[in-house]
Amino acid sequence: MAKAFSVERIEKRVPMALPVSIAGHANLPGVESTFTENVSSRGARVLTVRRWRANDRLEFTSYPGEFHARARVAYCHALSGDGYAIGLEFLERAGHWVISAPPVSGKSLHG
C-alpha cells in the first residue's frame, strides 16, 4: 500500500485577490489577465483559463506593475466548471510584492 505524504508549507499563504498577468504558455501565446487566490512572499495561487504543466516557467506581473517575477508552476489543478488554479513559486523577482520575505534568523539549522 502506497503511503501518502503531506508536505507542510514553510510559510502560510494569505487569502488575497490581486489583479495580475501571466505570460509564457508554450502552446497558447499571449498575456492572460487574471487574479490571485492567495499569496505568500515566495509565491501565489493564481486562477487561469489555460492548462499548465508542473515546472513550466512563466512571467508574472502584478497590476499596476509594481512587481514582476519569473515563476515556476508547482501544480495545476482543474477547477469545477471552467478553468484551473496554478501554484507558483517565484524564482527571479523585481519590485515590491504585497508580502515581504520573512527575516532570516541568525540561528543555524544545527543549533
PDB file of N, CA and C in Angstrom:
ATOM      1  N   MET A   1       0.843  -1.182   0.000  1.00  0.00           N
ATOM      2  CA  MET A   1       0.000   0.000   0.000  1.00  0.00           C
ATOM      3  C   MET A   1       0.888   1.245   0.000  1.00  0.00           C
ATOM      4  N   ALA A   2       0.642   2.150  -0.898  1.00  0.00           N
ATOM      5  CA  ALA A   2       1.449   3.364  -1.006  1.00  0.00           C
ATOM      6  C   ALA A   2       1.124   4.321   0.127  1.00  0.00           C
ATOM      7  N   LYS A   3       2.160   4.955   0.638  1.00  0.00           N
ATOM      8  CA  LYS A   3       1.967   5.942   1.697  1.00  0.00           C
ATOM      9  C   LYS A   3       1.729   7.308   1.080  1.00  0.00           C
ATOM     10  N   ALA A   4       0.835   8.058   1.682  1.00  0.00           N
ATOM     11  CA  ALA A   4       0.580   9.427   1.231  1.00  0.00           C
ATOM     12  C   ALA A   4       1.387  10.366   2.112  1.00  0.00           C
ATOM     13  N   PHE A   5       2.176  11.200   1.498  1.00  0.00           N
ATOM     14  CA  PHE A   5       2.975  12.165   2.231  1.00  0.00           C
ATOM     15  C   PHE A   5       2.370  13.538   2.066  1.00  0.00           C
ATOM     16  N   SER A   6       2.351  14.287   3.138  1.00  0.00           N
ATOM     17  CA  SER A   6       1.893  15.657   3.029  1.00  0.00           C
ATOM     18  C   SER A   6       3.069  16.565   3.344  1.00  0.00           C
ATOM     19  N   VAL A   7       3.251  17.547   2.509  1.00  0.00           N
ATOM     20  CA  VAL A   7       4.342  18.491   2.688  1.00  0.00           C
ATOM     21  C   VAL A   7       3.767  19.755   3.292  1.00  0.00           C
ATOM     22  N   GLU A   8       4.289  20.128   4.443  1.00  0.00           N
ATOM     23  CA  GLU A   8       3.814  21.346   5.088  1.00  0.00           C
ATOM     24  C   GLU A   8       4.566  22.541   4.516  1.00  0.00           C
ATOM     25  N   ARG A   9       3.842  23.597   4.261  1.00  0.00           N
ATOM     26  CA  ARG A   9       4.454  24.800   3.712  1.00  0.00           C
ATOM     27  C   ARG A   9       5.386  25.442   4.727  1.00  0.00           C
ATOM     28  N   ILE A  10       6.458  26.021   4.225  1.00  0.00           N
ATOM     29  CA  ILE A  10       7.372  26.780   5.070  1.00  0.00           C
ATOM     30  C   ILE A  10       6.664  28.031   5.567  1.00  0.00           C
ATOM     31  N   GLU A  11       5.840  28.576   4.727  1.00  0.00           N
ATOM     32  CA  GLU A  11       5.156  29.836   5.029  1.00  0.00           C
ATOM     33  C   GLU A  11       3.695  29.706   4.617  1.00  0.00           C
ATOM     34  N   LYS A  12       2.795  30.087   5.486  1.00  0.00           N
ATOM     35  CA  LYS A  12       1.362  30.017   5.182  1.00  0.00           C
ATOM     36  C   LYS A  12       1.002  31.058   4.128  1.00  0.00           C
ATOM     37  N   ARG A  13       0.029  30.714   3.305  1.00  0.00           N
ATOM     38  CA  ARG A  13      -0.467  31.667   2.305  1.00  0.00           C
ATOM     39  C   ARG A  13      -1.587  32.499   2.902  1.00  0.00           C
ATOM     40  N   VAL A  14      -1.714  33.718   2.413  1.00  0.00           N
ATOM     41  CA  VAL A  14      -2.726  34.655   2.879  1.00  0.00           C
ATOM     42  C   VAL A  14      -3.783  34.799   1.788  1.00  0.00           C
ATOM     43  N   PRO A  15      -5.073  34.564   2.101  1.00  0.00           N
ATOM     44  CA  PRO A  15      -6.115  34.758   1.083  1.00  0.00           C
ATOM     45  C   PRO A  15      -6.116  36.214   0.612  1.00  0.00           C
ATOM     46  N   MET A  16      -5.924  36.425  -0.677  1.00  0.00           N
ATOM     47  CA  MET A  16      -5.867  37.785  -1.208  1.00  0.00           C
ATOM     48  C   MET A  16      -6.082  37.736  -2.719  1.00  0.00           C
ATOM     49  N   ALA A  17      -7.105  38.435  -3.201  1.00  0.00           N
ATOM     50  CA  ALA A  17      -7.376  38.511  -4.638  1.00  0.00           C
ATOM     51  C   ALA A  17      -6.721  39.768  -5.190  1.00  0.00           C
ATOM     52  N   LEU A  18      -5.667  39.576  -5.979  1.00  0.00           N
ATOM     53  CA  LEU A  18      -4.941  40.692  -6.581  1.00  0.00           C
ATOM     54  C   LEU A  18      -4.948  40.538  -8.097  1.00  0.00           C
ATOM     55  N   PRO A  19      -5.132  41.637  -8.834  1.00  0.00           N
ATOM     56  CA  PRO A  19      -5.059  41.545 -10.293  1.00  0.00           C
ATOM     57  C   PRO A  19      -3.612  41.336 -10.738  1.00  0.00           C
ATOM     58  N   VAL A  20      -3.403  40.348 -11.606  1.00  0.00           N
ATOM     59  CA  VAL A  20      -2.071  40.026 -12.111  1.00  0.00           C
ATOM     60  C   VAL A  20      -2.169  39.634 -13.580  1.00  0.00           C
ATOM     61  N   SER A  21      -1.024  39.553 -14.224  1.00  0.00           N
ATOM     62  CA  SER A  21      -0.976  38.992 -15.573  1.00  0.00           C
ATOM     63  C   SER A  21       0.070  37.887 -15.585  1.00  0.00           C
ATOM     64  N   ILE A  22      -0.194  36.870 -16.410  1.00  0.00           N
ATOM     65  CA  ILE A  22       0.761  35.784 -16.588  1.00  0.00           C
ATOM     66  C   ILE A  22       0.959  35.570 -18.084  1.00  0.00           C
ATOM     67  N   ALA A  23       2.174  35.213 -18.461  1.00  0.00           N
ATOM     68  CA  ALA A  23       2.501  35.005 -19.870  1.00  0.00           C
ATOM     69  C   ALA A  23       3.597  33.952 -19.966  1.00  0.00           C
ATOM     70  N   GLY A  24       3.671  33.323 -21.128  1.00  0.00           N
ATOM     71  CA  GLY A  24       4.744  32.378 -21.368  1.00  0.00           C
ATOM     72  C   GLY A  24       4.290  30.962 -21.641  1.00  0.00           C
ATOM     73  N   HIS A  25       2.977  30.763 -21.851  1.00  0.00           N
ATOM     74  CA  HIS A  25       2.473  29.417 -22.139  1.00  0.00           C
ATOM     75  C   HIS A  25       3.028  28.957 -23.481  1.00  0.00           C
ATOM     76  N   ALA A  26       3.555  27.744 -23.522  1.00  0.00           N
ATOM     77  CA  ALA A  26       4.197  27.227 -24.734  1.00  0.00           C
ATOM     78  C   ALA A  26       3.234  27.097 -25.908  1.00  0.00           C
ATOM     79  N   ASN A  27       1.993  26.668 -25.650  1.00  0.00           N
ATOM     80  CA  ASN A  27       1.046  26.412 -26.741  1.00  0.00           C
ATOM     81  C   ASN A  27       0.041  27.528 -26.974  1.00  0.00           C
ATOM     82  N   LEU A  28      -0.147  28.401 -26.001  1.00  0.00           N
ATOM     83  CA  LEU A  28      -1.113  29.492 -26.117  1.00  0.00           C
ATOM     84  C   LEU A  28      -0.418  30.817 -25.808  1.00  0.00           C
ATOM     85  N   PRO A  29       0.258  31.389 -26.798  1.00  0.00           N
ATOM     86  CA  PRO A  29       0.988  32.630 -26.535  1.00  0.00           C
ATOM     87  C   PRO A  29       0.051  33.775 -26.183  1.00  0.00           C
ATOM     88  N   GLY A  30       0.607  34.776 -25.559  1.00  0.00           N
ATOM     89  CA  GLY A  30      -0.163  35.947 -25.179  1.00  0.00           C
ATOM     90  C   GLY A  30      -0.154  36.144 -23.679  1.00  0.00           C
ATOM     91  N   VAL A  31      -0.747  37.242 -23.270  1.00  0.00           N
ATOM     92  CA  VAL A  31      -0.799  37.610 -21.857  1.00  0.00           C
ATOM     93  C   VAL A  31      -2.214  37.374 -21.352  1.00  0.00           C
ATOM     94  N   GLU A  32      -2.329  36.729 -20.210  1.00  0.00           N
ATOM     95  CA  GLU A  32      -3.631  36.487 -19.584  1.00  0.00           C
ATOM     96  C   GLU A  32      -3.765  37.373 -18.354  1.00  0.00           C
ATOM     97  N   SER A  33      -4.821  38.164 -18.297  1.00  0.00           N
ATOM     98  CA  SER A  33      -5.127  38.973 -17.114  1.00  0.00           C
ATOM     99  C   SER A  33      -6.011  38.147 -16.199  1.00  0.00           C
ATOM    100  N   THR A  34      -5.625  38.050 -14.928  1.00  0.00           N
ATOM    101  CA  THR A  34      -6.331  37.180 -14.004  1.00  0.00           C
ATOM    102  C   THR A  34      -6.165  37.678 -12.573  1.00  0.00           C
ATOM    103  N   PHE A  35      -6.428  36.809 -11.592  1.00  0.00           N
ATOM    104  CA  PHE A  35      -6.353  37.182 -10.179  1.00  0.00           C
ATOM    105  C   PHE A  35      -5.656  36.098  -9.370  1.00  0.00           C
ATOM    106  N   THR A  36      -5.055  36.516  -8.269  1.00  0.00           N
ATOM    107  CA  THR A  36      -4.539  35.545  -7.310  1.00  0.00           C
ATOM    108  C   THR A  36      -5.689  35.083  -6.429  1.00  0.00           C
ATOM    109  N   GLU A  37      -5.524  33.923  -5.834  1.00  0.00           N
ATOM    110  CA  GLU A  37      -6.472  33.418  -4.848  1.00  0.00           C
ATOM    111  C   GLU A  37      -5.878  33.567  -3.448  1.00  0.00           C
ATOM    112  N   ASN A  38      -4.567  33.303  -3.357  1.00  0.00           N
ATOM    113  CA  ASN A  38      -3.842  33.524  -2.113  1.00  0.00           C
ATOM    114  C   ASN A  38      -2.381  33.774  -2.448  1.00  0.00           C
ATOM    115  N   VAL A  39      -1.652  34.356  -1.487  1.00  0.00           N
ATOM    116  CA  VAL A  39      -0.276  34.770  -1.744  1.00  0.00           C
ATOM    117  C   VAL A  39       0.611  34.486  -0.533  1.00  0.00           C
ATOM    118  N   SER A  40       1.911  34.432  -0.782  1.00  0.00           N
ATOM    119  CA  SER A  40       2.922  34.410   0.266  1.00  0.00           C
ATOM    120  C   SER A  40       4.106  35.192  -0.286  1.00  0.00           C
ATOM    121  N   SER A  41       5.150  35.333   0.487  1.00  0.00           N
ATOM    122  CA  SER A  41       6.317  36.056  -0.016  1.00  0.00           C
ATOM    123  C   SER A  41       7.044  35.254  -1.089  1.00  0.00           C
ATOM    124  N   ARG A  42       6.822  33.951  -1.130  1.00  0.00           N
ATOM    125  CA  ARG A  42       7.538  33.074  -2.058  1.00  0.00           C
ATOM    126  C   ARG A  42       6.742  32.673  -3.295  1.00  0.00           C
ATOM    127  N   GLY A  43       5.428  32.992  -3.331  1.00  0.00           N
ATOM    128  CA  GLY A  43       4.634  32.571  -4.474  1.00  0.00           C
ATOM    129  C   GLY A  43       3.174  32.942  -4.345  1.00  0.00           C
ATOM    130  N   ALA A  44       2.352  32.343  -5.206  1.00  0.00           N
ATOM    131  CA  ALA A  44       0.921  32.657  -5.223  1.00  0.00           C
ATOM    132  C   ALA A  44       0.148  31.522  -5.880  1.00  0.00           C
ATOM    133  N   ARG A  45      -1.129  31.444  -5.547  1.00  0.00           N
ATOM    134  CA  ARG A  45      -2.069  30.565  -6.258  1.00  0.00           C
ATOM    135  C   ARG A  45      -2.869  31.478  -7.168  1.00  0.00           C
ATOM    136  N   VAL A  46      -2.887  31.152  -8.456  1.00  0.00           N
ATOM    137  CA  VAL A  46      -3.463  32.025  -9.472  1.00  0.00           C
ATOM    138  C   VAL A  46      -4.525  31.267 -10.268  1.00  0.00           C
ATOM    139  N   LEU A  47      -5.631  31.943 -10.557  1.00  0.00           N
ATOM    140  CA  LEU A  47      -6.684  31.375 -11.397  1.00  0.00           C
ATOM    141  C   LEU A  47      -6.320  31.613 -12.860  1.00  0.00           C
ATOM    142  N   THR A  48      -6.563  30.627 -13.714  1.00  0.00           N
ATOM    143  CA  THR A  48      -6.185  30.734 -15.119  1.00  0.00           C
ATOM    144  C   THR A  48      -7.155  29.945 -15.998  1.00  0.00           C
ATOM    145  N   VAL A  49      -7.292  30.363 -17.253  1.00  0.00           N
ATOM    146  CA  VAL A  49      -8.122  29.622 -18.205  1.00  0.00           C
ATOM    147  C   VAL A  49      -7.292  28.579 -18.950  1.00  0.00           C
ATOM    148  N   ARG A  50      -5.976  28.664 -18.809  1.00  0.00           N
ATOM    149  CA  ARG A  50      -5.077  27.765 -19.524  1.00  0.00           C
ATOM    150  C   ARG A  50      -4.622  26.620 -18.626  1.00  0.00           C
ATOM    151  N   ARG A  51      -4.410  25.473 -19.248  1.00  0.00           N
ATOM    152  CA  ARG A  51      -3.854  24.339 -18.507  1.00  0.00           C
ATOM    153  C   ARG A  51      -2.333  24.412 -18.608  1.00  0.00           C
ATOM    154  N   TRP A  52      -1.666  24.392 -17.469  1.00  0.00           N
ATOM    155  CA  TRP A  52      -0.211  24.449 -17.396  1.00  0.00           C
ATOM    156  C   TRP A  52       0.312  23.106 -16.903  1.00  0.00           C
ATOM    157  N   ARG A  53       1.602  22.868 -17.130  1.00  0.00           N
ATOM    158  CA  ARG A  53       2.243  21.658 -16.620  1.00  0.00           C
ATOM    159  C   ARG A  53       3.176  22.029 -15.476  1.00  0.00           C
ATOM    160  N   ALA A  54       3.326  21.099 -14.545  1.00  0.00           N
ATOM    161  CA  ALA A  54       4.277  21.310 -13.450  1.00  0.00           C
ATOM    162  C   ALA A  54       5.651  21.594 -14.044  1.00  0.00           C
ATOM    163  N   ASN A  55       6.338  22.549 -13.455  1.00  0.00           N
ATOM    164  CA  ASN A  55       7.679  23.003 -13.840  1.00  0.00           C
ATOM    165  C   ASN A  55       7.709  23.905 -15.063  1.00  0.00           C
ATOM    166  N   ASP A  56       6.543  24.222 -15.675  1.00  0.00           N
ATOM    167  CA  ASP A  56       6.524  25.261 -16.707  1.00  0.00           C
ATOM    168  C   ASP A  56       7.036  26.551 -16.077  1.00  0.00           C
ATOM    169  N   ARG A  57       7.647  27.398 -16.885  1.00  0.00           N
ATOM    170  CA  ARG A  57       8.103  28.709 -16.431  1.00  0.00           C
ATOM    171  C   ARG A  57       7.211  29.768 -17.055  1.00  0.00           C
ATOM    172  N   LEU A  58       6.919  30.823 -16.303  1.00  0.00           N
ATOM    173  CA  LEU A  58       6.095  31.904 -16.830  1.00  0.00           C
ATOM    174  C   LEU A  58       6.527  33.234 -16.243  1.00  0.00           C
ATOM    175  N   GLU A  59       6.029  34.293 -16.862  1.00  0.00           N
ATOM    176  CA  GLU A  59       6.261  35.654 -16.373  1.00  0.00           C
ATOM    177  C   GLU A  59       5.020  36.086 -15.609  1.00  0.00           C
ATOM    178  N   PHE A  60       5.212  36.623 -14.415  1.00  0.00           N
ATOM    179  CA  PHE A  60       4.140  37.025 -13.503  1.00  0.00           C
ATOM    180  C   PHE A  60       4.316  38.507 -13.214  1.00  0.00           C
ATOM    181  N   THR A  61       3.262  39.297 -13.405  1.00  0.00           N
ATOM    182  CA  THR A  61       3.319  40.734 -13.134  1.00  0.00           C
ATOM    183  C   THR A  61       2.082  41.156 -12.372  1.00  0.00           C
ATOM    184  N   SER A  62       2.276  41.921 -11.295  1.00  0.00           N
ATOM    185  CA  SER A  62       1.129  42.455 -10.557  1.00  0.00           C
ATOM    186  C   SER A  62       0.712  43.767 -11.198  1.00  0.00           C
ATOM    187  N   TYR A  63      -0.563  44.115 -11.046  1.00  0.00           N
ATOM    188  CA  TYR A  63      -1.033  45.421 -11.505  1.00  0.00           C
ATOM    189  C   TYR A  63      -0.985  46.366 -10.337  1.00  0.00           C
ATOM    190  N   PRO A  64      -0.524  47.560 -10.502  1.00  0.00           N
ATOM    191  CA  PRO A  64      -0.198  48.252 -11.746  1.00  0.00           C
ATOM    192  C   PRO A  64       1.226  48.035 -12.226  1.00  0.00           C
ATOM    193  N   GLY A  65       1.846  46.926 -11.928  1.00  0.00           N
ATOM    194  CA  GLY A  65       3.181  46.635 -12.439  1.00  0.00           C
ATOM    195  C   GLY A  65       4.298  46.884 -11.453  1.00  0.00           C
ATOM    196  N   GLU A  66       3.978  46.924 -10.173  1.00  0.00           N
ATOM    197  CA  GLU A  66       4.998  47.179  -9.154  1.00  0.00           C
ATOM    198  C   GLU A  66       5.868  45.957  -8.878  1.00  0.00           C
ATOM    199  N   PHE A  67       5.422  44.774  -9.299  1.00  0.00           N
ATOM    200  CA  PHE A  67       6.158  43.546  -9.021  1.00  0.00           C
ATOM    201  C   PHE A  67       6.177  42.680 -10.267  1.00  0.00           C
ATOM    202  N   HIS A  68       7.333  42.095 -10.533  1.00  0.00           N
ATOM    203  CA  HIS A  68       7.498  41.212 -11.684  1.00  0.00           C
ATOM    204  C   HIS A  68       8.346  40.024 -11.239  1.00  0.00           C
ATOM    205  N   ALA A  69       7.979  38.828 -11.690  1.00  0.00           N
ATOM    206  CA  ALA A  69       8.760  37.647 -11.330  1.00  0.00           C
ATOM    207  C   ALA A  69       8.746  36.616 -12.443  1.00  0.00           C
ATOM    208  N   ARG A  70       9.844  35.929 -12.559  1.00  0.00           N
ATOM    209  CA  ARG A  70       9.900  34.690 -13.325  1.00  0.00           C
ATOM    210  C   ARG A  70       9.443  33.640 -12.328  1.00  0.00           C
ATOM    211  N   ALA A  71       8.501  32.782 -12.707  1.00  0.00           N
ATOM    212  CA  ALA A  71       7.930  31.837 -11.752  1.00  0.00           C
ATOM    213  C   ALA A  71       7.881  30.430 -12.331  1.00  0.00           C
ATOM    214  N   ARG A  72       7.874  29.461 -11.428  1.00  0.00           N
ATOM    215  CA  ARG A  72       7.750  28.049 -11.781  1.00  0.00           C
ATOM    216  C   ARG A  72       6.371  27.560 -11.364  1.00  0.00           C
ATOM    217  N   VAL A  73       5.709  26.821 -12.253  1.00  0.00           N
ATOM    218  CA  VAL A  73       4.413  26.233 -11.916  1.00  0.00           C
ATOM    219  C   VAL A  73       4.670  24.998 -11.050  1.00  0.00           C
ATOM    220  N   ALA A  74       4.188  25.035  -9.807  1.00  0.00           N
ATOM    221  CA  ALA A  74       4.354  23.904  -8.891  1.00  0.00           C
ATOM    222  C   ALA A  74       3.272  22.854  -9.133  1.00  0.00           C
ATOM    223  N   TYR A  75       2.063  23.315  -9.466  1.00  0.00           N
ATOM    224  CA  TYR A  75       0.952  22.401  -9.752  1.00  0.00           C
ATOM    225  C   TYR A  75      -0.090  23.126 -10.581  1.00  0.00           C
ATOM    226  N   CYS A  76      -0.963  22.352 -11.225  1.00  0.00           N
ATOM    227  CA  CYS A  76      -2.104  22.890 -11.965  1.00  0.00           C
ATOM    228  C   CYS A  76      -3.292  21.994 -11.663  1.00  0.00           C
ATOM    229  N   HIS A  77      -4.301  22.545 -10.983  1.00  0.00           N
ATOM    230  CA  HIS A  77      -5.498  21.787 -10.613  1.00  0.00           C
ATOM    231  C   HIS A  77      -6.695  22.281 -11.413  1.00  0.00           C
ATOM    232  N   ALA A  78      -7.450  21.349 -11.984  1.00  0.00           N
ATOM    233  CA  ALA A  78      -8.689  21.706 -12.678  1.00  0.00           C
ATOM    234  C   ALA A  78      -9.714  22.141 -11.637  1.00  0.00           C
ATOM    235  N   LEU A  79     -10.440  23.204 -11.936  1.00  0.00           N
ATOM    236  CA  LEU A  79     -11.492  23.694 -11.051  1.00  0.00           C
ATOM    237  C   LEU A  79     -12.830  23.144 -11.514  1.00  0.00           C
ATOM    238  N   SER A  80     -13.791  23.056 -10.610  1.00  0.00           N
ATOM    239  CA  SER A  80     -15.125  22.633 -11.039  1.00  0.00           C
ATOM    240  C   SER A  80     -15.659  23.722 -11.965  1.00  0.00           C
ATOM    241  N   GLY A  81     -16.201  23.330 -13.071  1.00  0.00           N
ATOM    242  CA  GLY A  81     -16.589  24.306 -14.084  1.00  0.00           C
ATOM    243  C   GLY A  81     -15.402  24.531 -15.004  1.00  0.00           C
ATOM    244  N   ASP A  82     -15.175  25.762 -15.378  1.00  0.00           N
ATOM    245  CA  ASP A  82     -14.074  26.083 -16.282  1.00  0.00           C
ATOM    246  C   ASP A  82     -12.876  26.601 -15.512  1.00  0.00           C
ATOM    247  N   GLY A  83     -11.712  26.374 -16.079  1.00  0.00           N
ATOM    248  CA  GLY A  83     -10.505  26.986 -15.559  1.00  0.00           C
ATOM    249  C   GLY A  83      -9.671  26.087 -14.666  1.00  0.00           C
ATOM    250  N   TYR A  84      -8.561  26.666 -14.235  1.00  0.00           N
ATOM    251  CA  TYR A  84      -7.560  25.957 -13.449  1.00  0.00           C
ATOM    252  C   TYR A  84      -7.037  26.885 -12.360  1.00  0.00           C
ATOM    253  N   ALA A  85      -6.425  26.282 -11.367  1.00  0.00           N
ATOM    254  CA  ALA A  85      -5.688  27.029 -10.350  1.00  0.00           C
ATOM    255  C   ALA A  85      -4.256  26.522 -10.405  1.00  0.00           C
ATOM    256  N   ILE A  86      -3.305  27.460 -10.496  1.00  0.00           N
ATOM    257  CA  ILE A  86      -1.899  27.067 -10.529  1.00  0.00           C
ATOM    258  C   ILE A  86      -1.188  27.618  -9.302  1.00  0.00           C
ATOM    259  N   GLY A  87      -0.304  26.810  -8.781  1.00  0.00           N
ATOM    260  CA  GLY A  87       0.551  27.246  -7.687  1.00  0.00           C
ATOM    261  C   GLY A  87       1.871  27.700  -8.270  1.00  0.00           C
ATOM    262  N   LEU A  88       2.280  28.916  -7.944  1.00  0.00           N
ATOM    263  CA  LEU A  88       3.510  29.475  -8.497  1.00  0.00           C
ATOM    264  C   LEU A  88       4.564  29.670  -7.423  1.00  0.00           C
ATOM    265  N   GLU A  89       5.793  29.361  -7.778  1.00  0.00           N
ATOM    266  CA  GLU A  89       6.953  29.642  -6.939  1.00  0.00           C
ATOM    267  C   GLU A  89       7.755  30.725  -7.643  1.00  0.00           C
ATOM    268  N   PHE A  90       7.960  31.867  -6.973  1.00  0.00           N
ATOM    269  CA  PHE A  90       8.738  32.945  -7.566  1.00  0.00           C
ATOM    270  C   PHE A  90      10.214  32.552  -7.596  1.00  0.00           C
ATOM    271  N   LEU A  91      10.843  32.678  -8.765  1.00  0.00           N
ATOM    272  CA  LEU A  91      12.253  32.334  -8.923  1.00  0.00           C
ATOM    273  C   LEU A  91      13.123  33.584  -8.946  1.00  0.00           C
ATOM    274  N   GLU A  92      12.882  34.446  -9.910  1.00  0.00           N
ATOM    275  CA  GLU A  92      13.597  35.721 -10.024  1.00  0.00           C
ATOM    276  C   GLU A  92      12.559  36.810  -9.861  1.00  0.00           C
ATOM    277  N   ARG A  93      12.815  37.757  -8.977  1.00  0.00           N
ATOM    278  CA  ARG A  93      11.797  38.759  -8.662  1.00  0.00           C
ATOM    279  C   ARG A  93      12.381  40.159  -8.678  1.00  0.00           C
ATOM    280  N   ALA A  94      11.515  41.116  -9.025  1.00  0.00           N
ATOM    281  CA  ALA A  94      11.911  42.524  -9.039  1.00  0.00           C
ATOM    282  C   ALA A  94      10.719  43.364  -8.618  1.00  0.00           C
ATOM    283  N   GLY A  95      10.961  44.370  -7.807  1.00  0.00           N
ATOM    284  CA  GLY A  95       9.893  45.263  -7.382  1.00  0.00           C
ATOM    285  C   GLY A  95       9.336  44.887  -6.027  1.00  0.00           C
ATOM    286  N   HIS A  96       8.256  45.558  -5.654  1.00  0.00           N
ATOM    287  CA  HIS A  96       7.646  45.398  -4.335  1.00  0.00           C
ATOM    288  C   HIS A  96       6.454  44.456  -4.406  1.00  0.00           C
ATOM    289  N   TRP A  97       6.528  43.327  -3.694  1.00  0.00           N
ATOM    290  CA  TRP A  97       5.422  42.379  -3.600  1.00  0.00           C
ATOM    291  C   TRP A  97       4.621  42.710  -2.355  1.00  0.00           C
ATOM    292  N   VAL A  98       3.369  42.274  -2.282  1.00  0.00           N
ATOM    293  CA  VAL A  98       2.468  42.634  -1.186  1.00  0.00           C
ATOM    294  C   VAL A  98       2.876  42.030   0.149  1.00  0.00           C
ATOM    295  N   ILE A  99       3.648  40.962   0.123  1.00  0.00           N
ATOM    296  CA  ILE A  99       4.124  40.329   1.353  1.00  0.00           C
ATOM    297  C   ILE A  99       5.637  40.239   1.271  1.00  0.00           C
ATOM    298  N   SER A 100       6.316  40.768   2.279  1.00  0.00           N
ATOM    299  CA  SER A 100       7.773  40.723   2.309  1.00  0.00           C
ATOM    300  C   SER A 100       8.248  39.353   2.760  1.00  0.00           C
ATOM    301  N   ALA A 101       9.445  39.004   2.344  1.00  0.00           N
ATOM    302  CA  ALA A 101      10.043  37.748   2.794  1.00  0.00           C
ATOM    303  C   ALA A 101      10.322  37.843   4.284  1.00  0.00           C
ATOM    304  N   PRO A 102      10.127  36.742   5.016  1.00  0.00           N
ATOM    305  CA  PRO A 102      10.403  36.778   6.448  1.00  0.00           C
ATOM    306  C   PRO A 102      11.885  37.024   6.698  1.00  0.00           C
ATOM    307  N   PRO A 103      12.219  37.698   7.808  1.00  0.00           N
ATOM    308  CA  PRO A 103      13.629  37.960   8.090  1.00  0.00           C
ATOM    309  C   PRO A 103      14.374  36.653   8.345  1.00  0.00           C
ATOM    310  N   VAL A 104      15.630  36.639   7.974  1.00  0.00           N
ATOM    311  CA  VAL A 104      16.467  35.464   8.185  1.00  0.00           C
ATOM    312  C   VAL A 104      17.028  35.533   9.590  1.00  0.00           C
ATOM    313  N   SER A 105      16.841  34.455  10.356  1.00  0.00           N
ATOM    314  CA  SER A 105      17.377  34.448  11.716  1.00  0.00           C
ATOM    315  C   SER A 105      18.860  34.120  11.661  1.00  0.00           C
ATOM    316  N   GLY A 106      19.568  34.474  12.689  1.00  0.00           N
ATOM    317  CA  GLY A 106      20.998  34.204  12.755  1.00  0.00           C
ATOM    318  C   GLY A 106      21.302  32.795  13.210  1.00  0.00           C
ATOM    319  N   LYS A 107      20.283  32.003  13.510  1.00  0.00           N
ATOM    320  CA  LYS A 107      20.487  30.651  14.017  1.00  0.00           C
ATOM    321  C   LYS A 107      20.745  29.684  12.870  1.00  0.00           C
ATOM    322  N   SER A 108      21.633  28.746  13.107  1.00  0.00           N
ATOM    323  CA  SER A 108      21.884  27.720  12.101  1.00  0.00           C
ATOM    324  C   SER A 108      20.912  26.568  12.312  1.00  0.00           C
ATOM    325  N   LEU A 109      20.812  25.711  11.338  1.00  0.00           N
ATOM    326  CA  LEU A 109      19.926  24.563  11.442  1.00  0.00           C
ATOM    327  C   LEU A 109      20.433  23.541  12.454  1.00  0.00           C
ATOM    328  N   HIS A 110      21.710  23.603  12.763  1.00  0.00           N
ATOM    329  CA  HIS A 110      22.309  22.621  13.667  1.00  0.00           C
ATOM    330  C   HIS A 110      22.424  23.134  15.092  1.00  0.00           C
ATOM    331  N   GLY A 111      21.821  24.265  15.387  1.00  0.00           N
ATOM    332  CA  GLY A 111      21.827  24.768  16.750  1.00  0.00           C
ATOM    333  C   GLY A 111      22.709  25.907  16.893  1.00  0.00           C
TER     334      GLY A 111
END
